[in-house]
Amino acid sequence: MRSVWNGAISFGLVSIPVKTYSATDRSTSVSFVRIHEKDGGRIQYRKVCELDGEEVPNEEIGRGYRATDDTIVPITDEDLSHLPLPTTKTLTILAFLDAGEIDPLQMDRAYYLGPNGPTATKPYTLLREALEHHGKVAVGKVAMHGRETLAMLRAHDGAIVMHALLWPDQIRSTAGVAPDDVEIRDSELTLAETLMDSLGELDPDELHDDYRKAVENLVAAKLEGGEPAAPETAGTSGGQVIDLMAALESSVRAAREGRGEETGADDGSGEEADATVTPIRGRKSTTGGTGAKKSASAGRKTAAGSSGTSGRKRAAAKTTGSRTESAAGSGGSGPAAKKATTKKSTAKKSAAKRTAKDSGAKKATGTAASGGAKASAKGGSKRTSA
């Protein structure tokens, strides 16, 4: 690889000469040229001087700085090399931080740093080992490509990687981007996290630029004079998501099926059992409250079912009695009516027997009374005759 910048890392009083190499290769990305659609000719961009209208070769092109009054001030490489900046040829480390303290929004291009010369080998290795063992990243400033920039150093795969960082004032605010006052239920958040876990790990070997491959196939088909293959469309509805929970559950099932996992078990009813959802950490109080609510609800349902059953039994008994009475009173011909008629005739016979007994008792009493009266009369007449 060809180095793009040579300098040194200033680590306290330690200076480490390094060479900088580009860590990324963007030449593999798809790029197009502009053409004239009428005849297919390429569109050329010529560098023309606005004063004389003539095309200027690259060796005659320099740089300039536009002042506030639109005056162009010429700036040469020698001018930049004499700037009073310690970072012109030195990456000065300012602090060591945790990697999580660096916002990924600030990360720009990445570079590999390698030792420049045999004397730089040991201090280079020492810095790399210290960064890796201590779990820190170094943040400093460096002047590259005509400007000073922030830089972050970290250990990676046996080397030191430098990430150019944007300045904090180059990061725009999120004001007006994110929605406000949106309520998310715990069940939705739990299911979303379950979906995240179900997608599994990322395999770098499976990452490919499908767009580049499709463009290459298209170009090959056109060169052969054939028609490009029809694109394969996924069987997605593409409609608006109405039920968020249903969409999440379907996504979890699809992710697990894609990984060859069982999505659920048959509970014996022919339907698939619900997947187990892991509760969210840090939400114990909410989860416990939900369980208590479920237990209380189940208790209320049981009590309501018992009282409702006994109440319904009593009401059914009353209804049966009233129906029996009404059937007996109406002289119906059903079984209930026959039973009522039988009971009524039995009651009449009992009443008749009681009436007969009462009348017999009355007759006996009357007979005894009349016999006594006759005896008394006879005795009285005998005494009178005497």
Protein backbone atom coordinates (compact mmCIF):
# COMPACT_ATOMS: atom_id res chain seq x y z
CA MET A 1 0.00 0.00 0.00
CA ARG A 2 1.10 3.55 -0.67
CA SER A 3 1.33 5.85 2.33
CA VAL A 4 -0.80 8.99 2.17
CA TRP A 5 0.80 10.88 5.07
CA ASN A 6 4.03 10.58 7.06
CA GLY A 7 4.44 12.04 10.50
CA ALA A 8 4.73 11.09 14.14
CA ILE A 9 2.53 10.30 17.13
CA SER A 10 3.31 12.45 20.14
CA PHE A 11 2.64 10.37 23.27
CA GLY A 12 3.81 12.52 26.16
CA LEU A 13 7.57 12.78 25.65
CA VAL A 14 7.53 9.74 23.38
CA SER A 15 7.56 10.34 19.62
CA ILE A 16 6.58 7.48 17.30
CA PRO A 17 7.32 7.98 13.57
CA VAL A 18 4.47 6.51 11.53
CA LYS A 19 3.26 6.10 7.99
CA THR A 20 -0.42 6.45 7.19
CA TYR A 21 -2.27 4.18 4.77
CA SER A 22 -5.87 4.35 3.64
CA ALA A 23 -7.82 1.61 5.44
CA THR A 24 -10.76 1.57 3.03
CA ASP A 25 -11.08 0.88 -0.68
CA ARG A 26 -13.94 2.58 -2.44
CA SER A 27 -12.87 1.62 -5.93
CA THR A 28 -15.11 -1.44 -5.83
CA SER A 29 -18.28 0.64 -5.51
CA VAL A 30 -20.45 1.24 -8.55
CA SER A 31 -19.63 4.42 -10.45
CA PHE A 32 -21.13 5.80 -13.66
CA VAL A 33 -19.90 8.27 -16.24
CA ARG A 34 -22.05 10.94 -17.82
CA ILE A 35 -22.88 10.50 -21.50
CA HIS A 36 -24.76 12.28 -24.22
CA GLU A 37 -27.98 10.25 -24.59
CA LYS A 38 -28.34 11.21 -28.24
CA ASP A 39 -25.10 9.64 -29.47
CA GLY A 40 -23.57 8.00 -26.37
CA GLY A 41 -20.55 10.30 -26.26
CA ARG A 42 -18.96 10.98 -22.85
CA ILE A 43 -19.44 14.35 -21.25
CA GLN A 44 -16.06 15.93 -20.44
CA TYR A 45 -15.47 18.37 -17.60
CA ARG A 46 -12.77 20.76 -18.61
CA LYS A 47 -11.00 23.06 -16.18
CA VAL A 48 -11.31 26.45 -17.75
CA CYS A 49 -10.06 29.75 -16.38
CA GLU A 50 -12.94 32.17 -15.98
CA LEU A 51 -10.73 35.14 -16.95
CA ASP A 52 -9.27 34.06 -20.29
CA GLY A 53 -11.61 31.14 -21.05
CA GLU A 54 -8.72 28.78 -21.73
CA GLU A 55 -8.40 25.23 -20.44
CA VAL A 56 -5.82 24.88 -17.64
CA PRO A 57 -3.64 21.76 -17.19
CA ASN A 58 -3.40 20.14 -13.75
CA GLU A 59 0.20 21.23 -13.14
CA GLU A 60 -0.86 24.86 -13.32
CA ILE A 61 -3.76 24.50 -10.87
CA GLY A 62 -3.14 25.71 -7.31
CA ARG A 63 -5.36 26.54 -4.32
CA GLY A 64 -6.80 29.76 -2.99
CA TYR A 65 -8.89 30.96 -0.06
CA ARG A 66 -12.01 33.02 -0.61
CA ALA A 67 -12.14 35.93 1.82
CA THR A 68 -15.31 37.53 3.16
CA ASP A 69 -15.36 40.09 0.33
CA ASP A 70 -15.06 37.29 -2.29
CA THR A 71 -11.41 38.15 -2.85
CA ILE A 72 -9.38 35.03 -3.72
CA VAL A 73 -6.12 34.82 -1.74
CA PRO A 74 -3.55 32.35 -3.24
CA ILE A 75 -2.25 29.74 -0.74
CA THR A 76 0.78 27.57 -1.57
CA ASP A 77 2.04 24.33 -0.05
CA GLU A 78 4.97 26.24 1.42
CA ASP A 79 2.57 28.61 3.17
CA LEU A 80 0.77 25.68 4.78
CA SER A 81 4.01 23.98 5.82
CA HIS A 82 5.05 27.08 7.78
CA LEU A 83 1.83 27.40 9.73
CA PRO A 84 2.49 27.71 13.49
CA LEU A 85 0.77 24.40 14.26
CA PRO A 86 2.39 21.55 16.20
CA THR A 87 0.04 19.13 14.42
CA THR A 88 1.43 19.81 10.94
CA LYS A 89 3.60 16.72 11.03
CA THR A 90 2.63 15.35 14.43
CA LEU A 91 -0.48 13.68 15.77
CA THR A 92 -0.68 15.06 19.29
CA ILE A 93 -2.58 12.83 21.72
CA LEU A 94 -4.75 14.93 24.05
CA ALA A 95 -6.51 12.29 26.16
CA PHE A 96 -7.43 8.63 26.51
CA LEU A 97 -11.14 7.82 26.65
CA ASP A 98 -13.53 4.89 26.58
CA ALA A 99 -14.62 4.01 23.07
CA GLY A 100 -18.27 4.56 24.05
CA GLU A 101 -17.57 8.26 24.69
CA ILE A 102 -16.98 8.85 20.97
CA ASP A 103 -20.18 9.46 19.02
CA PRO A 104 -20.14 7.39 15.80
CA LEU A 105 -21.53 10.45 14.02
CA GLN A 106 -18.10 12.05 14.37
CA MET A 107 -16.24 9.24 12.62
CA ASP A 108 -15.01 10.05 9.14
CA ARG A 109 -12.41 8.18 7.10
CA ALA A 110 -10.19 5.46 8.57
CA TYR A 111 -6.44 4.96 8.16
CA TYR A 112 -3.90 2.34 9.20
CA LEU A 113 -0.84 3.60 11.03
CA GLY A 114 2.41 1.64 10.69
CA PRO A 115 5.83 2.22 12.23
CA ASN A 116 8.19 4.29 10.07
CA GLY A 117 11.61 2.77 10.59
CA PRO A 118 13.17 0.25 12.96
CA THR A 119 13.40 2.70 15.88
CA ALA A 120 9.63 3.18 15.81
CA THR A 121 8.82 -0.52 16.17
CA LYS A 122 9.01 -0.82 19.96
CA PRO A 123 7.20 2.42 20.94
CA TYR A 124 4.56 1.64 18.29
CA THR A 125 4.00 -1.83 19.77
CA LEU A 126 3.94 -0.39 23.31
CA LEU A 127 1.19 2.10 22.42
CA ARG A 128 -0.84 -0.57 20.65
CA GLU A 129 -0.59 -2.98 23.59
CA ALA A 130 -1.43 -0.22 26.09
CA LEU A 131 -4.54 0.76 24.14
CA GLU A 132 -5.70 -2.85 23.88
CA HIS A 133 -4.90 -3.85 27.47
CA HIS A 134 -6.34 -0.71 29.04
CA GLY A 135 -9.46 -0.78 26.84
CA LYS A 136 -9.07 2.85 25.82
CA VAL A 137 -8.86 4.94 22.67
CA ALA A 138 -6.61 7.95 22.14
CA VAL A 139 -7.99 11.27 20.93
CA GLY A 140 -5.75 13.92 19.43
CA LYS A 141 -5.34 16.45 16.64
CA VAL A 142 -3.49 16.19 13.35
CA ALA A 143 -3.13 18.33 10.20
CA MET A 144 -3.72 16.29 7.05
CA HIS A 145 -4.65 17.17 3.48
CA GLY A 146 -4.49 20.89 4.12
CA ARG A 147 -6.65 20.97 7.25
CA GLU A 148 -6.47 20.13 10.94
CA THR A 149 -8.80 17.47 12.20
CA LEU A 150 -9.57 15.47 15.28
CA ALA A 151 -8.37 11.89 15.27
CA MET A 152 -9.04 8.77 17.29
CA LEU A 153 -6.51 5.96 17.65
CA ARG A 154 -7.48 2.41 18.58
CA ALA A 155 -5.93 -1.04 18.48
CA HIS A 156 -7.29 -3.32 15.77
CA ASP A 157 -6.03 -6.69 14.52
CA GLY A 158 -2.42 -6.10 15.61
CA ALA A 159 -2.23 -2.57 14.23
CA ILE A 160 -3.17 0.98 15.21
CA VAL A 161 -6.12 2.46 13.34
CA MET A 162 -6.71 6.19 13.08
CA HIS A 163 -10.22 7.50 12.52
CA ALA A 164 -10.52 11.10 11.35
CA LEU A 165 -13.22 12.77 13.45
CA LEU A 166 -15.52 15.64 12.65
CA TRP A 167 -15.45 18.62 14.98
CA PRO A 168 -18.37 18.82 17.43
CA ASP A 169 -19.76 21.93 15.70
CA GLN A 170 -19.99 19.94 12.45
CA ILE A 171 -22.62 17.62 13.92
CA ARG A 172 -26.14 18.89 13.33
CA SER A 173 -28.83 18.82 15.98
CA THR A 174 -31.69 16.30 15.92
CA ALA A 175 -34.26 19.01 16.64
CA GLY A 176 -37.38 18.46 14.56
CA VAL A 177 -36.34 14.96 13.47
CA ALA A 178 -37.56 12.63 16.22
CA PRO A 179 -41.28 12.42 17.13
CA ASP A 180 -42.45 13.51 20.57
CA ASP A 181 -44.98 12.07 23.05
CA VAL A 182 -45.17 8.54 21.64
CA GLU A 183 -46.29 5.92 24.16
CA ILE A 184 -44.67 2.49 23.87
CA ARG A 185 -46.13 -0.42 25.86
CA ASP A 186 -43.85 -2.80 27.72
CA SER A 187 -45.15 -5.74 25.69
CA GLU A 188 -44.23 -4.00 22.44
CA LEU A 189 -40.73 -3.17 23.68
CA THR A 190 -40.22 -6.72 24.95
CA LEU A 191 -41.31 -8.22 21.63
CA ALA A 192 -39.06 -5.81 19.71
CA GLU A 193 -36.08 -6.91 21.81
CA THR A 194 -37.04 -10.54 21.25
CA LEU A 195 -36.99 -9.90 17.51
CA MET A 196 -33.54 -8.33 17.87
CA ASP A 197 -32.28 -11.46 19.64
CA SER A 198 -33.96 -13.74 17.09
CA LEU A 199 -32.10 -12.23 14.14
CA GLY A 200 -28.88 -13.78 15.44
CA GLU A 201 -25.27 -12.79 14.83
CA LEU A 202 -23.87 -11.12 11.73
CA ASP A 203 -21.60 -13.21 9.51
CA PRO A 204 -19.17 -10.91 7.60
CA ASP A 205 -18.72 -13.58 4.91
CA GLU A 206 -22.39 -13.24 3.98
CA LEU A 207 -22.17 -9.47 3.38
CA HIS A 208 -22.10 -8.64 -0.31
CA ASP A 209 -22.93 -5.65 -2.48
CA ASP A 210 -26.01 -6.99 -4.25
CA TYR A 211 -26.46 -3.70 -6.12
CA ARG A 212 -22.99 -3.93 -7.67
CA LYS A 213 -23.58 -7.55 -8.67
CA ALA A 214 -26.92 -6.67 -10.26
CA VAL A 215 -25.33 -3.81 -12.23
CA GLU A 216 -22.52 -6.07 -13.43
CA ASN A 217 -25.06 -8.68 -14.60
CA LEU A 218 -27.02 -5.95 -16.37
CA VAL A 219 -23.90 -4.70 -18.18
CA ALA A 220 -22.91 -8.24 -19.16
CA ALA A 221 -26.38 -8.90 -20.57
CA LYS A 222 -26.30 -5.68 -22.60
CA LEU A 223 -22.84 -6.47 -23.99
CA GLU A 224 -24.11 -9.86 -25.18
CA GLY A 225 -27.15 -8.23 -26.76
CA GLY A 226 -29.59 -10.04 -24.53
CA GLU A 227 -32.23 -8.91 -22.12
CA PRO A 228 -31.42 -8.54 -18.43
CA ALA A 229 -32.99 -11.11 -16.14
CA ALA A 230 -36.20 -10.12 -14.42
CA PRO A 231 -35.61 -9.10 -10.82
CA GLU A 232 -36.79 -11.40 -8.07
CA THR A 233 -39.36 -9.66 -5.97
CA ALA A 234 -39.93 -10.60 -2.37
CA GLY A 235 -43.41 -11.69 -1.40
CA THR A 236 -44.10 -8.80 0.93
CA SER A 237 -47.36 -6.96 1.07
CA GLY A 238 -45.78 -3.51 1.29
CA GLY A 239 -48.88 -2.17 3.00
CA GLN A 240 -49.04 0.00 6.05
CA VAL A 241 -48.53 -1.78 9.36
CA ILE A 242 -51.83 -1.67 11.23
CA ASP A 243 -51.23 -4.07 14.13
CA LEU A 244 -47.71 -3.50 15.44
CA MET A 245 -47.82 -6.47 17.80
CA ALA A 246 -48.95 -8.84 15.03
CA ALA A 247 -46.18 -7.58 12.75
CA LEU A 248 -43.57 -8.09 15.48
CA GLU A 249 -44.80 -11.60 16.28
CA SER A 250 -44.74 -12.55 12.60
CA SER A 251 -41.22 -11.14 12.28
CA VAL A 252 -40.01 -13.18 15.26
CA ARG A 253 -41.49 -16.36 13.78
CA ALA A 254 -39.95 -15.65 10.38
CA ALA A 255 -36.54 -14.94 11.91
CA ARG A 256 -36.60 -18.16 13.93
CA GLU A 257 -37.77 -20.20 10.96
CA GLY A 258 -34.95 -18.71 8.90
CA ARG A 259 -32.47 -19.94 11.50
CA GLY A 260 -34.07 -23.41 11.60
CA GLU A 261 -35.51 -22.97 15.10
CA GLU A 262 -38.88 -24.15 16.32
CA THR A 263 -41.32 -21.30 16.53
CA GLY A 264 -43.62 -22.93 19.06
CA ALA A 265 -45.12 -26.18 20.35
CA ASP A 266 -48.48 -27.74 19.71
CA ASP A 267 -50.64 -27.46 22.84
CA GLY A 268 -52.96 -30.29 21.76
CA SER A 269 -55.63 -28.07 20.29
CA GLY A 270 -54.09 -28.02 16.84
CA GLU A 271 -52.86 -24.48 17.33
CA GLU A 272 -49.32 -23.35 17.87
CA ALA A 273 -48.54 -22.23 21.40
CA ASP A 274 -47.41 -18.69 22.00
CA ALA A 275 -43.65 -18.08 22.04
CA THR A 276 -42.07 -17.37 25.40
CA VAL A 277 -41.03 -13.74 25.78
CA THR A 278 -38.15 -12.83 28.08
CA PRO A 279 -39.09 -9.94 30.42
CA ILE A 280 -37.22 -6.66 30.06
CA ARG A 281 -34.40 -6.16 32.50
CA GLY A 282 -34.93 -3.32 34.92
CA ARG A 283 -38.73 -3.63 34.72
CA LYS A 284 -39.28 -5.96 37.65
CA SER A 285 -41.88 -3.76 39.31
CA THR A 286 -43.87 -3.51 36.13
CA THR A 287 -43.65 -7.22 35.50
CA GLY A 288 -44.62 -8.07 39.08
CA GLY A 289 -47.59 -5.74 38.90
CA THR A 290 -48.73 -7.46 35.76
CA GLY A 291 -48.52 -10.86 37.43
CA ALA A 292 -50.43 -9.63 40.47
CA LYS A 293 -53.09 -8.21 38.21
CA LYS A 294 -53.37 -11.53 36.39
CA SER A 295 -53.67 -13.45 39.71
CA ALA A 296 -56.25 -11.04 41.05
CA SER A 297 -58.17 -11.24 37.81
CA ALA A 298 -58.08 -15.05 37.94
CA GLY A 299 -59.27 -14.97 41.57
CA ARG A 300 -62.11 -12.68 40.70
CA LYS A 301 -63.09 -14.90 37.81
CA THR A 302 -63.10 -18.00 40.06
CA ALA A 303 -65.17 -16.32 42.78
CA ALA A 304 -67.53 -14.90 40.23
CA GLY A 305 -67.89 -18.29 38.59
CA SER A 306 -68.66 -20.08 41.92
CA SER A 307 -71.16 -17.53 43.15
CA GLY A 308 -72.71 -17.30 39.73
CA THR A 309 -73.10 -21.10 39.55
CA SER A 310 -74.73 -21.42 42.98
CA GLY A 311 -76.96 -18.47 42.24
CA ARG A 312 -77.99 -19.99 38.96
CA LYS A 313 -78.79 -23.30 40.71
CA ARG A 314 -81.03 -21.58 43.25
CA ALA A 315 -82.73 -19.61 40.53
CA ALA A 316 -83.24 -22.81 38.55
CA ALA A 317 -84.83 -24.50 41.58
CA LYS A 318 -87.20 -21.59 42.10
CA THR A 319 -88.03 -21.57 38.44
CA THR A 320 -88.78 -25.31 38.51
CA GLY A 321 -91.10 -24.90 41.53
CA SER A 322 -92.94 -22.03 39.97
CA ARG A 323 -93.28 -23.96 36.74
CA THR A 324 -94.72 -26.97 38.68
CA GLU A 325 -97.24 -24.79 40.41
CA SER A 326 -98.22 -23.06 37.23
CA ALA A 327 -98.51 -26.38 35.43
CA ALA A 328 -100.72 -27.77 38.19
CA GLY A 329 -102.89 -24.68 38.20
CA SER A 330 -103.30 -24.61 34.47
CA GLY A 331 -104.28 -28.29 34.23
CA GLY A 332 -101.67 -29.10 31.67
CA SER A 333 -101.14 -32.57 30.34
CA GLY A 334 -97.37 -32.81 30.85
CA PRO A 335 -95.56 -34.86 33.51
CA ALA A 336 -95.39 -31.90 35.83
CA ALA A 337 -99.13 -31.39 35.48
CA LYS A 338 -99.84 -35.07 36.22
CA LYS A 339 -97.69 -34.95 39.36
CA ALA A 340 -99.47 -31.81 40.49
CA THR A 341 -102.91 -33.42 39.90
CA THR A 342 -101.88 -36.54 41.85
CA LYS A 343 -100.70 -34.44 44.76
CA LYS A 344 -103.93 -32.45 44.67
CA SER A 345 -106.19 -35.56 44.74
CA THR A 346 -104.16 -37.05 47.59
CA ALA A 347 -104.58 -33.85 49.53
CA LYS A 348 -108.36 -33.98 48.91
CA LYS A 349 -108.59 -37.58 50.18
CA SER A 350 -106.64 -36.71 53.31
CA ALA A 351 -108.93 -33.76 53.92
CA ALA A 352 -111.98 -35.99 53.44
CA LYS A 353 -110.65 -38.53 55.96
CA ARG A 354 -109.97 -35.78 58.46
CA THR A 355 -113.51 -34.47 57.90
CA ALA A 356 -114.96 -37.96 58.42
CA LYS A 357 -113.01 -38.43 61.62
CA ASP A 358 -114.14 -35.06 62.86
CA SER A 359 -117.78 -35.81 62.07
CA GLY A 360 -117.51 -39.23 63.75
CA ALA A 361 -116.03 -37.66 66.83
CA LYS A 362 -118.81 -35.14 66.86
CA LYS A 363 -121.46 -37.88 66.56
CA ALA A 364 -119.87 -39.84 69.37
CA THR A 365 -119.74 -36.77 71.53
CA GLY A 366 -123.33 -35.94 70.73
CA THR A 367 -124.47 -39.51 71.45
CA ALA A 368 -122.66 -39.56 74.75
CA ALA A 369 -124.11 -36.25 75.67
CA SER A 370 -127.65 -37.28 74.81
CA GLY A 371 -127.23 -40.57 76.72
CA GLY A 372 -126.09 -38.70 79.75
CA ALA A 373 -129.01 -36.35 79.50
CA LYS A 374 -131.43 -39.26 79.28
CA ALA A 375 -129.86 -40.97 82.28
CA SER A 376 -130.07 -37.78 84.27
CA ALA A 377 -133.69 -37.38 83.33
CA LYS A 378 -134.51 -40.94 84.37
CA GLY A 379 -132.75 -40.52 87.68
CA GLY A 380 -134.54 -37.28 88.32
CA SER A 381 -137.90 -38.84 87.59
CA LYS A 382 -137.16 -41.71 89.92
CA ARG A 383 -136.27 -39.37 92.75
CA THR A 384 -139.39 -37.36 92.13
CA SER A 385 -141.58 -40.46 92.28
CA ALA A 386 -140.02 -41.55 95.51
